[in-house]
C-alpha atoms as a PDB file:
ATOM      1  CA  MET A   1     -38.749 -34.549 -12.247  1.00  0.00           C
ATOM      2  CA  LEU A   2     -37.885 -31.418 -10.261  1.00  0.00           C
ATOM      3  CA  ALA A   3     -36.647 -29.325 -13.621  1.00  0.00           C
ATOM      4  CA  LEU A   4     -40.180 -30.285 -15.857  1.00  0.00           C
ATOM      5  CA  PHE A   5     -41.807 -29.141 -12.463  1.00  0.00           C
ATOM      6  CA  ARG A   6     -40.100 -25.867 -12.428  1.00  0.00           C
ATOM      7  CA  ILE A   7     -40.721 -25.273 -16.309  1.00  0.00           C
ATOM      8  CA  ILE A   8     -44.184 -26.108 -16.310  1.00  0.00           C
ATOM      9  CA  ILE A   9     -44.554 -23.375 -13.515  1.00  0.00           C
ATOM     10  CA  VAL A  10     -42.117 -21.027 -15.215  1.00  0.00           C
ATOM     11  CA  VAL A  11     -44.264 -20.879 -18.452  1.00  0.00           C
ATOM     12  CA  ILE A  12     -47.660 -21.166 -16.780  1.00  0.00           C
ATOM     13  CA  TYR A  13     -46.800 -17.921 -14.610  1.00  0.00           C
ATOM     14  CA  SER A  14     -45.012 -16.437 -17.428  1.00  0.00           C
ATOM     15  CA  ILE A  15     -48.485 -16.744 -19.708  1.00  0.00           C
ATOM     16  CA  LEU A  16     -50.210 -15.478 -16.909  1.00  0.00           C
ATOM     17  CA  VAL A  17     -48.181 -12.334 -16.326  1.00  0.00           C
ATOM     18  CA  CYS A  18     -47.635 -11.358 -19.871  1.00  0.00           C
ATOM     19  CA  VAL A  19     -51.715 -11.669 -20.358  1.00  0.00           C
ATOM     20  CA  PHE A  20     -52.544  -9.839 -17.083  1.00  0.00           C
ATOM     21  CA  GLY A  21     -49.555  -7.494 -18.115  1.00  0.00           C
ATOM     22  CA  CYS A  22     -51.056  -6.667 -21.466  1.00  0.00           C
ATOM     23  CA  ILE A  23     -54.051  -5.962 -20.223  1.00  0.00           C
ATOM     24  CA  TRP A  24     -53.253  -3.994 -17.422  1.00  0.00           C
ATOM     25  CA  CYS A  25     -51.022  -2.007 -19.671  1.00  0.00           C
ATOM     26  CA  LEU A  26     -53.743  -1.061 -22.223  1.00  0.00           C
ATOM     27  CA  PHE A  27     -55.062   1.434 -19.726  1.00  0.00           C
ATOM     28  CA  ARG A  28     -52.028   3.260 -19.305  1.00  0.00           C
ATOM     29  CA  PRO A  29     -49.923   1.844 -22.346  1.00  0.00           C
ATOM     30  CA  ARG A  30     -45.942   2.309 -22.676  1.00  0.00           C
ATOM     31  CA  HIS A  31     -46.023   3.962 -18.985  1.00  0.00           C
ATOM     32  CA  PRO A  32     -43.021   3.575 -17.823  1.00  0.00           C
ATOM     33  CA  ASN A  33     -43.778   2.597 -14.427  1.00  0.00           C
ATOM     34  CA  HIS A  34     -45.329  -0.648 -15.834  1.00  0.00           C
ATOM     35  CA  VAL A  35     -41.420  -1.982 -16.638  1.00  0.00           C
ATOM     36  CA  ALA A  36     -40.466  -2.043 -12.504  1.00  0.00           C
ATOM     37  CA  ARG A  37     -44.069  -3.303 -11.796  1.00  0.00           C
ATOM     38  CA  PHE A  38     -43.776  -6.424 -13.906  1.00  0.00           C
ATOM     39  CA  GLY A  39     -40.320  -7.184 -13.920  1.00  0.00           C
ATOM     40  CA  HIS A  40     -40.302  -7.707 -10.491  1.00  0.00           C
ATOM     41  CA  MET A  41     -42.967  -9.971 -10.828  1.00  0.00           C
ATOM     42  CA  PHE A  42     -40.984 -11.872 -12.574  1.00  0.00           C
ATOM     43  CA  GLY A  43     -38.195 -11.488 -10.217  1.00  0.00           C
ATOM     44  CA  ARG A  44     -40.164 -13.407  -7.806  1.00  0.00           C
ATOM     45  CA  LEU A  45     -39.425 -16.609  -9.655  1.00  0.00           C
ATOM     46  CA  SER A  46     -36.100 -17.111  -8.279  1.00  0.00           C
ATOM     47  CA  PRO A  47     -37.235 -18.673  -5.237  1.00  0.00           C
ATOM     48  CA  LEU A  48     -38.550 -21.431  -7.617  1.00  0.00           C
ATOM     49  CA  PHE A  49     -34.635 -21.942  -9.154  1.00  0.00           C
ATOM     50  CA  GLY A  50     -33.906 -22.612  -5.755  1.00  0.00           C
ATOM     51  CA  VAL A  51     -31.955 -19.104  -5.769  1.00  0.00           C
ATOM     52  CA  LYS A  52     -31.716 -16.409  -3.098  1.00  0.00           C
ATOM     53  CA  VAL A  53     -31.330 -13.328  -4.547  1.00  0.00           C
ATOM     54  CA  GLU A  54     -29.846 -10.063  -2.448  1.00  0.00           C
ATOM     55  CA  MET A  55     -29.871  -6.704  -3.236  1.00  0.00           C
ATOM     56  CA  ARG A  56     -28.359  -4.213  -2.556  1.00  0.00           C
ATOM     57  CA  LEU A  57     -29.063  -0.422  -2.849  1.00  0.00           C
ATOM     58  CA  PRO A  58     -26.867   2.448  -2.402  1.00  0.00           C
ATOM     59  CA  PRO A  59     -28.192   5.471  -0.211  1.00  0.00           C
ATOM     60  CA  GLY A  60     -30.635   7.605  -1.580  1.00  0.00           C
ATOM     61  CA  ALA A  61     -31.065   5.244  -4.164  1.00  0.00           C
ATOM     62  CA  GLY A  62     -34.565   6.105  -4.267  1.00  0.00           C
ATOM     63  CA  ASN A  63     -34.392   9.816  -5.266  1.00  0.00           C
ATOM     64  CA  PHE A  64     -31.993   9.395  -8.018  1.00  0.00           C
ATOM     65  CA  PRO A  65     -32.409  11.642 -10.914  1.00  0.00           C
ATOM     66  CA  ASN A  66     -32.822  10.665 -14.544  1.00  0.00           C
ATOM     67  CA  ALA A  67     -30.019   8.392 -15.400  1.00  0.00           C
ATOM     68  CA  ILE A  68     -28.794   5.503 -17.485  1.00  0.00           C
ATOM     69  CA  TYR A  69     -28.493   2.303 -15.549  1.00  0.00           C
ATOM     70  CA  ILE A  70     -25.809  -0.111 -16.993  1.00  0.00           C
ATOM     71  CA  ALA A  71     -25.713  -3.770 -16.225  1.00  0.00           C
ATOM     72  CA  ASN A  72     -24.063  -6.718 -16.861  1.00  0.00           C
ATOM     73  CA  HIS A  73     -25.818  -9.054 -19.333  1.00  0.00           C
ATOM     74  CA  GLN A  74     -25.439 -12.765 -18.137  1.00  0.00           C
ATOM     75  CA  ASN A  75     -27.880 -15.184 -19.872  1.00  0.00           C
ATOM     76  CA  ASN A  76     -31.759 -15.393 -19.266  1.00  0.00           C
ATOM     77  CA  TYR A  77     -31.507 -15.609 -15.563  1.00  0.00           C
ATOM     78  CA  ASP A  78     -31.132 -12.055 -15.698  1.00  0.00           C
ATOM     79  CA  MET A  79     -34.773 -11.867 -15.713  1.00  0.00           C
ATOM     80  CA  ILE A  80     -35.179 -13.339 -12.079  1.00  0.00           C
ATOM     81  CA  THR A  81     -32.079 -11.301 -10.729  1.00  0.00           C
ATOM     82  CA  ALA A  82     -31.372  -8.248 -12.119  1.00  0.00           C
ATOM     83  CA  ALA A  83     -35.641  -8.058 -12.390  1.00  0.00           C
ATOM     84  CA  ASN A  84     -35.666  -7.488  -9.225  1.00  0.00           C
ATOM     85  CA  ILE A  85     -33.676  -4.067  -8.752  1.00  0.00           C
ATOM     86  CA  VAL A  86     -35.386  -2.123 -11.612  1.00  0.00           C
ATOM     87  CA  GLN A  87     -36.501   1.013 -10.161  1.00  0.00           C
ATOM     88  CA  PRO A  88     -39.751   2.767 -10.811  1.00  0.00           C
ATOM     89  CA  ASN A  89     -39.805   5.122 -14.597  1.00  0.00           C
ATOM     90  CA  THR A  90     -36.805   3.028 -15.702  1.00  0.00           C
ATOM     91  CA  VAL A  91     -37.423   1.379 -19.288  1.00  0.00           C
ATOM     92  CA  THR A  92     -34.976  -0.934 -21.249  1.00  0.00           C
ATOM     93  CA  VAL A  93     -33.333  -0.646 -24.368  1.00  0.00           C
ATOM     94  CA  GLY A  94     -33.563  -3.975 -25.899  1.00  0.00           C
ATOM     95  CA  LYS A  95     -33.400  -5.753 -29.679  1.00  0.00           C
ATOM     96  CA  LYS A  96     -36.613  -5.143 -31.674  1.00  0.00           C
ATOM     97  CA  SER A  97     -36.882  -9.161 -32.508  1.00  0.00           C
ATOM     98  CA  LEU A  98     -37.895  -9.400 -28.527  1.00  0.00           C
ATOM     99  CA  LEU A  99     -41.079  -8.453 -30.131  1.00  0.00           C
ATOM    100  CA  TRP A 100     -41.571 -11.779 -31.684  1.00  0.00           C
ATOM    101  CA  ILE A 101     -41.432 -13.986 -28.423  1.00  0.00           C
ATOM    102  CA  PRO A 102     -44.841 -15.240 -27.791  1.00  0.00           C
ATOM    103  CA  PHE A 103     -46.834 -13.238 -25.603  1.00  0.00           C
ATOM    104  CA  PHE A 104     -43.607 -11.990 -23.915  1.00  0.00           C
ATOM    105  CA  GLY A 105     -42.803  -9.599 -27.130  1.00  0.00           C
ATOM    106  CA  LEU A 106     -46.177  -7.551 -26.937  1.00  0.00           C
ATOM    107  CA  LEU A 107     -45.822  -6.968 -22.954  1.00  0.00           C
ATOM    108  CA  TYR A 108     -42.142  -5.744 -23.475  1.00  0.00           C
ATOM    109  CA  TRP A 109     -43.660  -3.001 -25.958  1.00  0.00           C
ATOM    110  CA  LEU A 110     -46.502  -2.173 -24.290  1.00  0.00           C
ATOM    111  CA  THR A 111     -44.773  -1.464 -20.798  1.00  0.00           C
ATOM    112  CA  GLY A 112     -42.851   1.279 -22.861  1.00  0.00           C
ATOM    113  CA  ASN A 113     -39.496  -0.454 -23.509  1.00  0.00           C
ATOM    114  CA  LEU A 114     -37.254   1.101 -26.344  1.00  0.00           C
ATOM    115  CA  LEU A 115     -36.793  -1.462 -29.263  1.00  0.00           C
ATOM    116  CA  ILE A 116     -33.573  -0.832 -31.651  1.00  0.00           C
ATOM    117  CA  ASP A 117     -32.547  -2.549 -34.941  1.00  0.00           C
ATOM    118  CA  ARG A 118     -29.116  -4.122 -34.408  1.00  0.00           C
ATOM    119  CA  ASN A 119     -29.203  -5.121 -38.259  1.00  0.00           C
ATOM    120  CA  ASN A 120     -29.876  -1.261 -39.332  1.00  0.00           C
ATOM    121  CA  ARG A 121     -26.668   0.765 -37.863  1.00  0.00           C
ATOM    122  CA  ALA A 122     -28.634   4.116 -38.891  1.00  0.00           C
ATOM    123  CA  LYS A 123     -31.705   3.201 -36.949  1.00  0.00           C
ATOM    124  CA  ALA A 124     -29.544   1.810 -34.121  1.00  0.00           C
ATOM    125  CA  HIS A 125     -27.266   5.405 -33.789  1.00  0.00           C
ATOM    126  CA  GLY A 126     -30.479   7.203 -33.980  1.00  0.00           C
ATOM    127  CA  THR A 127     -31.416   5.655 -30.716  1.00  0.00           C
ATOM    128  CA  ILE A 128     -29.174   7.879 -28.979  1.00  0.00           C
ATOM    129  CA  GLY A 129     -31.439  10.964 -30.131  1.00  0.00           C
ATOM    130  CA  LEU A 130     -34.350   8.951 -29.303  1.00  0.00           C
ATOM    131  CA  VAL A 131     -33.083   8.508 -25.705  1.00  0.00           C
ATOM    132  CA  VAL A 132     -31.862  12.168 -25.364  1.00  0.00           C
ATOM    133  CA  ASP A 133     -34.957  13.330 -26.630  1.00  0.00           C
ATOM    134  CA  GLN A 134     -37.245  11.214 -23.686  1.00  0.00           C
ATOM    135  CA  PHE A 135     -34.943  12.858 -21.150  1.00  0.00           C
ATOM    136  CA  LYS A 136     -36.053  16.123 -22.056  1.00  0.00           C
ATOM    137  CA  LYS A 137     -39.747  15.637 -21.839  1.00  0.00           C
ATOM    138  CA  LYS A 138     -40.353  12.568 -19.397  1.00  0.00           C
ATOM    139  CA  THR A 139     -39.314  12.010 -15.730  1.00  0.00           C
ATOM    140  CA  ILE A 140     -37.432   8.536 -17.123  1.00  0.00           C
ATOM    141  CA  SER A 141     -34.841   6.487 -16.915  1.00  0.00           C
ATOM    142  CA  PHE A 142     -32.993   3.834 -19.427  1.00  0.00           C
ATOM    143  CA  TRP A 143     -31.227   0.392 -18.363  1.00  0.00           C
ATOM    144  CA  MET A 144     -28.669  -0.340 -21.221  1.00  0.00           C
ATOM    145  CA  PHE A 145     -26.685  -3.521 -21.305  1.00  0.00           C
ATOM    146  CA  PRO A 146     -23.375  -2.021 -22.698  1.00  0.00           C
ATOM    147  CA  GLU A 147     -21.530  -5.213 -23.660  1.00  0.00           C
ATOM    148  CA  GLY A 148     -24.132  -5.329 -26.191  1.00  0.00           C
ATOM    149  CA  THR A 149     -24.893  -8.886 -25.729  1.00  0.00           C
ATOM    150  CA  ARG A 150     -25.285 -12.085 -22.903  1.00  0.00           C
ATOM    151  CA  SER A 151     -21.917 -12.829 -21.916  1.00  0.00           C
ATOM    152  CA  ARG A 152     -22.409 -16.716 -21.412  1.00  0.00           C
ATOM    153  CA  GLY A 153     -19.707 -17.118 -18.815  1.00  0.00           C
ATOM    154  CA  ARG A 154     -17.188 -15.449 -20.621  1.00  0.00           C
ATOM    155  CA  GLY A 155     -16.645 -12.634 -17.749  1.00  0.00           C
ATOM    156  CA  LEU A 156     -17.310  -8.624 -18.610  1.00  0.00           C
ATOM    157  CA  LEU A 157     -17.183  -8.238 -21.985  1.00  0.00           C
ATOM    158  CA  PRO A 158     -15.897  -5.196 -23.530  1.00  0.00           C
ATOM    159  CA  PHE A 159     -18.367  -2.215 -23.696  1.00  0.00           C
ATOM    160  CA  LYS A 160     -20.341  -0.505 -26.675  1.00  0.00           C
ATOM    161  CA  THR A 161     -20.431   3.329 -26.428  1.00  0.00           C
ATOM    162  CA  GLY A 162     -24.073   4.096 -27.217  1.00  0.00           C
ATOM    163  CA  ALA A 163     -25.162   4.233 -23.667  1.00  0.00           C
ATOM    164  CA  PHE A 164     -22.144   6.706 -22.801  1.00  0.00           C
ATOM    165  CA  HIS A 165     -22.674   9.048 -25.611  1.00  0.00           C
ATOM    166  CA  ALA A 166     -26.557   9.000 -24.459  1.00  0.00           C
ATOM    167  CA  ALA A 167     -25.442  10.290 -20.804  1.00  0.00           C
ATOM    168  CA  ILE A 168     -23.093  12.569 -21.978  1.00  0.00           C
ATOM    169  CA  ALA A 169     -25.623  14.190 -24.428  1.00  0.00           C
ATOM    170  CA  ALA A 170     -28.501  13.989 -21.942  1.00  0.00           C
ATOM    171  CA  GLY A 171     -26.096  15.618 -19.378  1.00  0.00           C
ATOM    172  CA  VAL A 172     -27.811  12.500 -16.982  1.00  0.00           C
ATOM    173  CA  PRO A 173     -25.464  10.577 -14.613  1.00  0.00           C
ATOM    174  CA  ILE A 174     -24.630   6.791 -15.033  1.00  0.00           C
ATOM    175  CA  ILE A 175     -25.545   4.000 -12.484  1.00  0.00           C
ATOM    176  CA  PRO A 176     -23.713   0.843 -12.832  1.00  0.00           C
ATOM    177  CA  VAL A 177     -25.663  -2.429 -11.315  1.00  0.00           C
ATOM    178  CA  VAL A 178     -23.751  -5.574 -11.029  1.00  0.00           C
ATOM    179  CA  VAL A 179     -24.983  -9.313 -10.459  1.00  0.00           C
ATOM    180  CA  SER A 180     -22.622 -11.687  -9.447  1.00  0.00           C
ATOM    181  CA  ASN A 181     -22.018 -14.943 -11.536  1.00  0.00           C
ATOM    182  CA  THR A 182     -24.920 -17.045 -12.640  1.00  0.00           C
ATOM    183  CA  HIS A 183     -23.223 -18.827 -15.552  1.00  0.00           C
ATOM    184  CA  GLY A 184     -23.564 -22.548 -14.803  1.00  0.00           C
ATOM    185  CA  LYS A 185     -24.570 -21.912 -11.547  1.00  0.00           C
ATOM    186  CA  ILE A 186     -28.318 -22.761 -11.747  1.00  0.00           C
ATOM    187  CA  LYS A 187     -29.456 -26.399 -12.091  1.00  0.00           C
ATOM    188  CA  LEU A 188     -33.120 -27.166 -13.009  1.00  0.00           C
ATOM    189  CA  ASN A 189     -32.600 -30.713 -10.860  1.00  0.00           C
ATOM    190  CA  ARG A 190     -30.593 -29.298  -8.194  1.00  0.00           C
ATOM    191  CA  ARG A 191     -32.917 -28.023  -5.164  1.00  0.00           C
ATOM    192  CA  ASN A 192     -31.051 -25.184  -3.715  1.00  0.00           C
ATOM    193  CA  ASN A 193     -28.734 -23.523  -6.411  1.00  0.00           C
ATOM    194  CA  GLY A 194     -27.061 -20.934  -3.882  1.00  0.00           C
ATOM    195  CA  LEU A 195     -27.156 -16.986  -3.577  1.00  0.00           C
ATOM    196  CA  VAL A 196     -26.993 -14.377  -6.166  1.00  0.00           C
ATOM    197  CA  ILE A 197     -26.252 -10.720  -5.258  1.00  0.00           C
ATOM    198  CA  VAL A 198     -27.636  -7.617  -7.531  1.00  0.00           C
ATOM    199  CA  GLU A 199     -25.455  -4.302  -6.089  1.00  0.00           C
ATOM    200  CA  MET A 200     -26.529  -0.959  -7.785  1.00  0.00           C
ATOM    201  CA  MET A 201     -23.560   1.187  -7.386  1.00  0.00           C
ATOM    202  CA  PRO A 202     -23.198   4.817  -6.713  1.00  0.00           C
ATOM    203  CA  LEU A 203     -23.899   7.092  -9.536  1.00  0.00           C
ATOM    204  CA  VAL A 204     -21.249   8.232 -11.814  1.00  0.00           C
ATOM    205  CA  ASP A 205     -20.849  11.766 -12.583  1.00  0.00           C
ATOM    206  CA  ILE A 206     -20.304  12.516 -16.107  1.00  0.00           C
ATOM    207  CA  SER A 207     -19.420  15.970 -16.035  1.00  0.00           C
ATOM    208  CA  ALA A 208     -15.767  14.714 -14.994  1.00  0.00           C
ATOM    209  CA  PHE A 209     -15.603  13.566 -18.716  1.00  0.00           C
ATOM    210  CA  GLU A 210     -17.407  16.083 -20.525  1.00  0.00           C
ATOM    211  CA  LYS A 211     -14.128  16.951 -21.805  1.00  0.00           C
ATOM    212  CA  GLU A 212     -12.568  13.566 -22.320  1.00  0.00           C
ATOM    213  CA  SER A 213     -13.277  10.368 -24.700  1.00  0.00           C
ATOM    214  CA  VAL A 214     -16.555   9.057 -24.563  1.00  0.00           C
ATOM    215  CA  ARG A 215     -14.391   5.532 -24.480  1.00  0.00           C
ATOM    216  CA  LYS A 216     -12.404   6.569 -21.392  1.00  0.00           C
ATOM    217  CA  LEU A 217     -16.065   7.052 -19.590  1.00  0.00           C
ATOM    218  CA  ALA A 218     -17.296   3.641 -20.946  1.00  0.00           C
ATOM    219  CA  THR A 219     -13.762   2.385 -19.816  1.00  0.00           C
ATOM    220  CA  HIS A 220     -13.785   3.924 -16.014  1.00  0.00           C
ATOM    221  CA  CYS A 221     -17.260   2.164 -15.693  1.00  0.00           C
ATOM    222  CA  ARG A 222     -16.254  -0.993 -16.566  1.00  0.00           C
ATOM    223  CA  GLU A 223     -13.530  -0.960 -14.373  1.00  0.00           C
ATOM    224  CA  LEU A 224     -15.538  -0.078 -11.406  1.00  0.00           C
ATOM    225  CA  MET A 225     -17.746  -3.122 -12.556  1.00  0.00           C
ATOM    226  CA  SER A 226     -15.207  -5.383 -13.186  1.00  0.00           C
ATOM    227  CA  ALA A 227     -13.900  -4.519  -9.539  1.00  0.00           C
ATOM    228  CA  LYS A 228     -17.343  -4.954  -8.439  1.00  0.00           C
ATOM    229  CA  LEU A 229     -18.230  -8.376 -10.209  1.00  0.00           C
ATOM    230  CA  ASP A 230     -14.960 -10.079  -8.682  1.00  0.00           C
ATOM    231  CA  ALA A 231     -15.478  -8.595  -5.053  1.00  0.00           C
ATOM    232  CA  LEU A 232     -19.286  -9.894  -5.393  1.00  0.00           C
ATOM    233  CA  ASN A 233     -18.276 -13.401  -6.844  1.00  0.00           C
ATOM    234  CA  ALA A 234     -15.578 -14.056  -4.150  1.00  0.00           C
ATOM    235  CA  GLU A 235     -18.076 -13.276  -1.290  1.00  0.00           C
ATOM    236  CA  VAL A 236     -20.498 -15.511  -2.798  1.00  0.00           C
ATOM    237  CA  ALA A 237     -18.358 -18.320  -2.726  1.00  0.00           C
ATOM    238  CA  GLU A 238     -17.223 -17.367   0.763  1.00  0.00           C
ATOM    239  CA  ARG A 239     -20.853 -17.236   2.125  1.00  0.00           C
ATOM    240  CA  GLU A 240     -21.875 -20.516   0.112  1.00  0.00           C
ATOM    241  CA  ALA A 241     -18.692 -22.309   1.649  1.00  0.00           C
ATOM    242  CA  SER A 242     -19.638 -21.274   4.952  1.00  0.00           C
ATOM    243  CA  GLY A 243     -23.257 -21.794   4.754  1.00  0.00           C
ATOM    244  CA  ASN A 244     -24.237 -18.225   5.416  1.00  0.00           C
ATOM    245  CA  ILE A 245     -26.930 -17.743   2.663  1.00  0.00           C
END
């Protein structure tokens, strides 16, 4: 019964946000501030799922320069966890098929997100050039999932190098964002689904890797995120066991 109630509320709320969002965006179509605004609206659904989302920002996060944010990508619940920490003037890079999701697809495009065709390698590779070009023209940052797909409980997957190629080509830092484990954690029929921590890490200066390979930069960032993910999961487990959430 609880699961059905949650599903109905989520569907109604999501449709309302998408319809309102599309109308709102028509006044300033594809402005990069839209993504954070409506991402945070979806993030407000976390209490409905019985999840407490704790966000952690590093000092000076509000004054970070143009950057590429990289985050672990677990499942559809990223919309109620990671979405809470998206910063203003940040857009995401997503697959073109998102356009076909009713209501959400149109909002995704109108908010200014960048769409790539994963089935066309030439076009997907050209996205790097487009990202670099956007950095030169606007005050804008990009949010990317370097794993390339949802991990679905398989841990932190190997990283693809597109985000790191773009960062070096544009000369912008990388900012890792790590979300503690949500796989198998959220049960729709369970009232309390515990704690999820979303932590933004300090920026990674890519200048130290300009003479190294892009793969080394990707490996370095993955090691940072993997260690942080283990630490967050351990903290969540300890706090939930003690009831300190």
